[in-house]
Amino acid sequence: SMFEPLKETVALLSTYGEEMPEEIHLQLQELPEHWDGTKKLCLRVKQSAAPLQANEVNIIRKKCQ
């Protein structure tokens, strides 16, 4: 749904005779998949960083006490 406005804009330009290169159409098809992959990567990194952050929190708490 995030890329629908872009697709609609390309379709609107097409109705006015402004054709986009084939590369643009391919990118619009591939972008949602790439975006999903990026979100999944972000979650994996967040999950792997959580224990490290918790460890740092404990170190800081010990220093403050």
N, C-alpha and C. Protein backbone atom coordinates (compact mmCIF):
# COMPACT_ATOMS: atom_id res chain seq x y z
N SER A 1 0.82 -1.20 0.00
CA SER A 1 0.00 0.00 0.00
C SER A 1 0.86 1.26 0.00
N MET A 2 2.09 1.11 0.50
CA MET A 2 2.98 2.26 0.60
C MET A 2 3.40 2.77 -0.78
N PHE A 3 3.47 1.89 -1.75
CA PHE A 3 3.94 2.27 -3.07
C PHE A 3 2.80 2.53 -4.06
N GLU A 4 1.56 2.37 -3.61
CA GLU A 4 0.42 2.61 -4.50
C GLU A 4 0.36 4.04 -5.04
N PRO A 5 0.62 5.06 -4.20
CA PRO A 5 0.61 6.43 -4.76
C PRO A 5 1.61 6.62 -5.90
N LEU A 6 2.77 5.98 -5.79
CA LEU A 6 3.75 6.09 -6.87
C LEU A 6 3.23 5.42 -8.14
N LYS A 7 2.63 4.24 -7.97
CA LYS A 7 2.08 3.54 -9.13
C LYS A 7 0.95 4.35 -9.77
N GLU A 8 0.12 4.97 -8.93
CA GLU A 8 -0.97 5.79 -9.45
C GLU A 8 -0.44 7.01 -10.19
N THR A 9 0.64 7.59 -9.68
CA THR A 9 1.24 8.75 -10.34
C THR A 9 1.81 8.37 -11.71
N VAL A 10 2.46 7.22 -11.78
CA VAL A 10 3.00 6.75 -13.05
C VAL A 10 1.86 6.48 -14.02
N ALA A 11 0.77 5.89 -13.53
CA ALA A 11 -0.39 5.62 -14.39
C ALA A 11 -1.02 6.93 -14.87
N LEU A 12 -1.11 7.93 -14.00
CA LEU A 12 -1.67 9.22 -14.39
C LEU A 12 -0.80 9.89 -15.45
N LEU A 13 0.51 9.86 -15.24
CA LEU A 13 1.41 10.44 -16.25
C LEU A 13 1.25 9.72 -17.58
N SER A 14 1.03 8.42 -17.51
CA SER A 14 0.86 7.63 -18.73
C SER A 14 -0.39 8.06 -19.49
N THR A 15 -1.46 8.40 -18.76
CA THR A 15 -2.68 8.84 -19.43
C THR A 15 -2.48 10.16 -20.16
N TYR A 16 -1.50 10.95 -19.71
CA TYR A 16 -1.20 12.22 -20.36
C TYR A 16 -0.07 12.10 -21.38
N GLY A 17 0.30 10.86 -21.68
CA GLY A 17 1.29 10.64 -22.73
C GLY A 17 2.74 10.65 -22.26
N GLU A 18 2.95 10.78 -20.98
CA GLU A 18 4.31 10.76 -20.43
C GLU A 18 4.64 9.34 -20.00
N GLU A 19 5.33 8.62 -20.86
CA GLU A 19 5.68 7.23 -20.55
C GLU A 19 6.97 7.17 -19.74
N MET A 20 6.96 6.35 -18.74
CA MET A 20 8.14 6.14 -17.92
C MET A 20 8.96 5.00 -18.53
N PRO A 21 10.27 5.02 -18.31
CA PRO A 21 11.10 3.92 -18.81
C PRO A 21 10.70 2.59 -18.16
N GLU A 22 10.98 1.51 -18.84
CA GLU A 22 10.64 0.18 -18.33
C GLU A 22 11.30 -0.07 -16.97
N GLU A 23 12.46 0.52 -16.77
CA GLU A 23 13.19 0.36 -15.51
C GLU A 23 12.34 0.85 -14.32
N ILE A 24 11.62 1.93 -14.52
CA ILE A 24 10.76 2.47 -13.46
C ILE A 24 9.66 1.47 -13.11
N HIS A 25 9.04 0.88 -14.13
CA HIS A 25 7.98 -0.09 -13.89
C HIS A 25 8.52 -1.32 -13.16
N LEU A 26 9.70 -1.76 -13.53
CA LEU A 26 10.31 -2.90 -12.85
C LEU A 26 10.63 -2.57 -11.39
N GLN A 27 11.14 -1.38 -11.17
CA GLN A 27 11.46 -0.98 -9.79
C GLN A 27 10.20 -0.90 -8.94
N LEU A 28 9.11 -0.40 -9.51
CA LEU A 28 7.86 -0.32 -8.76
C LEU A 28 7.33 -1.71 -8.40
N GLN A 29 7.63 -2.70 -9.22
CA GLN A 29 7.20 -4.06 -8.91
C GLN A 29 8.11 -4.68 -7.85
N GLU A 30 9.39 -4.34 -7.88
CA GLU A 30 10.36 -4.95 -6.97
C GLU A 30 10.45 -4.25 -5.62
N LEU A 31 10.10 -2.97 -5.57
CA LEU A 31 10.26 -2.21 -4.34
C LEU A 31 9.54 -2.81 -3.13
N PRO A 32 8.29 -3.23 -3.24
CA PRO A 32 7.64 -3.80 -2.05
C PRO A 32 8.38 -5.01 -1.48
N GLU A 33 8.92 -5.86 -2.33
CA GLU A 33 9.69 -7.01 -1.86
C GLU A 33 10.96 -6.56 -1.16
N HIS A 34 11.65 -5.60 -1.73
CA HIS A 34 12.88 -5.08 -1.12
C HIS A 34 12.56 -4.42 0.23
N TRP A 35 11.45 -3.70 0.28
CA TRP A 35 11.07 -3.03 1.51
C TRP A 35 10.77 -4.05 2.61
N ASP A 36 10.07 -5.13 2.25
CA ASP A 36 9.78 -6.18 3.23
C ASP A 36 11.08 -6.80 3.74
N GLY A 37 12.02 -7.03 2.85
CA GLY A 37 13.31 -7.57 3.24
C GLY A 37 14.06 -6.64 4.18
N THR A 38 13.97 -5.35 3.91
CA THR A 38 14.63 -4.36 4.76
C THR A 38 14.00 -4.34 6.15
N LYS A 39 12.68 -4.43 6.22
CA LYS A 39 12.00 -4.46 7.52
C LYS A 39 12.38 -5.70 8.31
N LYS A 40 12.46 -6.86 7.63
CA LYS A 40 12.85 -8.10 8.30
C LYS A 40 14.28 -8.01 8.82
N LEU A 41 15.16 -7.43 8.03
CA LEU A 41 16.55 -7.25 8.44
C LEU A 41 16.62 -6.35 9.68
N CYS A 42 15.84 -5.30 9.67
CA CYS A 42 15.80 -4.38 10.81
C CYS A 42 15.37 -5.11 12.08
N LEU A 43 14.37 -5.95 11.98
CA LEU A 43 13.91 -6.71 13.15
C LEU A 43 14.98 -7.67 13.64
N ARG A 44 15.67 -8.33 12.72
CA ARG A 44 16.74 -9.26 13.13
C ARG A 44 17.87 -8.52 13.85
N VAL A 45 18.25 -7.37 13.32
CA VAL A 45 19.30 -6.58 13.95
C VAL A 45 18.85 -6.11 15.33
N LYS A 46 17.62 -5.67 15.41
CA LYS A 46 17.08 -5.21 16.70
C LYS A 46 17.10 -6.34 17.73
N GLN A 47 16.70 -7.54 17.30
CA GLN A 47 16.69 -8.68 18.20
C GLN A 47 18.10 -9.08 18.62
N SER A 48 19.05 -8.99 17.72
CA SER A 48 20.41 -9.36 18.09
C SER A 48 21.09 -8.28 18.94
N ALA A 49 20.65 -7.05 18.83
CA ALA A 49 21.22 -5.97 19.62
C ALA A 49 20.60 -5.88 21.01
N ALA A 50 19.42 -6.41 21.20
CA ALA A 50 18.72 -6.29 22.48
C ALA A 50 19.53 -6.85 23.65
N PRO A 51 20.11 -8.04 23.54
CA PRO A 51 20.92 -8.53 24.67
C PRO A 51 22.13 -7.64 24.97
N LEU A 52 22.74 -7.10 23.94
CA LEU A 52 23.88 -6.20 24.13
C LEU A 52 23.46 -4.93 24.86
N GLN A 53 22.30 -4.41 24.48
CA GLN A 53 21.78 -3.21 25.13
C GLN A 53 21.45 -3.50 26.59
N ALA A 54 20.84 -4.65 26.85
CA ALA A 54 20.49 -5.03 28.22
C ALA A 54 21.76 -5.16 29.07
N ASN A 55 22.80 -5.72 28.49
CA ASN A 55 24.08 -5.84 29.19
C ASN A 55 24.65 -4.47 29.54
N GLU A 56 24.60 -3.55 28.60
CA GLU A 56 25.09 -2.20 28.85
C GLU A 56 24.26 -1.50 29.93
N VAL A 57 22.97 -1.71 29.92
CA VAL A 57 22.10 -1.14 30.95
C VAL A 57 22.53 -1.64 32.32
N ASN A 58 22.79 -2.94 32.42
CA ASN A 58 23.23 -3.50 33.70
C ASN A 58 24.57 -2.93 34.15
N ILE A 59 25.49 -2.74 33.22
CA ILE A 59 26.79 -2.15 33.55
C ILE A 59 26.62 -0.73 34.08
N ILE A 60 25.78 0.05 33.41
CA ILE A 60 25.54 1.44 33.83
C ILE A 60 24.87 1.47 35.20
N ARG A 61 23.91 0.59 35.43
CA ARG A 61 23.24 0.53 36.74
C ARG A 61 24.24 0.21 37.85
N LYS A 62 25.13 -0.73 37.59
CA LYS A 62 26.12 -1.10 38.60
C LYS A 62 27.05 0.07 38.89
N LYS A 63 27.42 0.84 37.85
CA LYS A 63 28.29 1.98 38.03
C LYS A 63 27.58 3.08 38.85
N CYS A 64 26.29 3.22 38.63
CA CYS A 64 25.52 4.25 39.34
C CYS A 64 25.31 3.90 40.80
N GLN A 65 25.30 2.63 41.11
CA GLN A 65 25.09 2.21 42.50
C GLN A 65 26.38 2.32 43.21
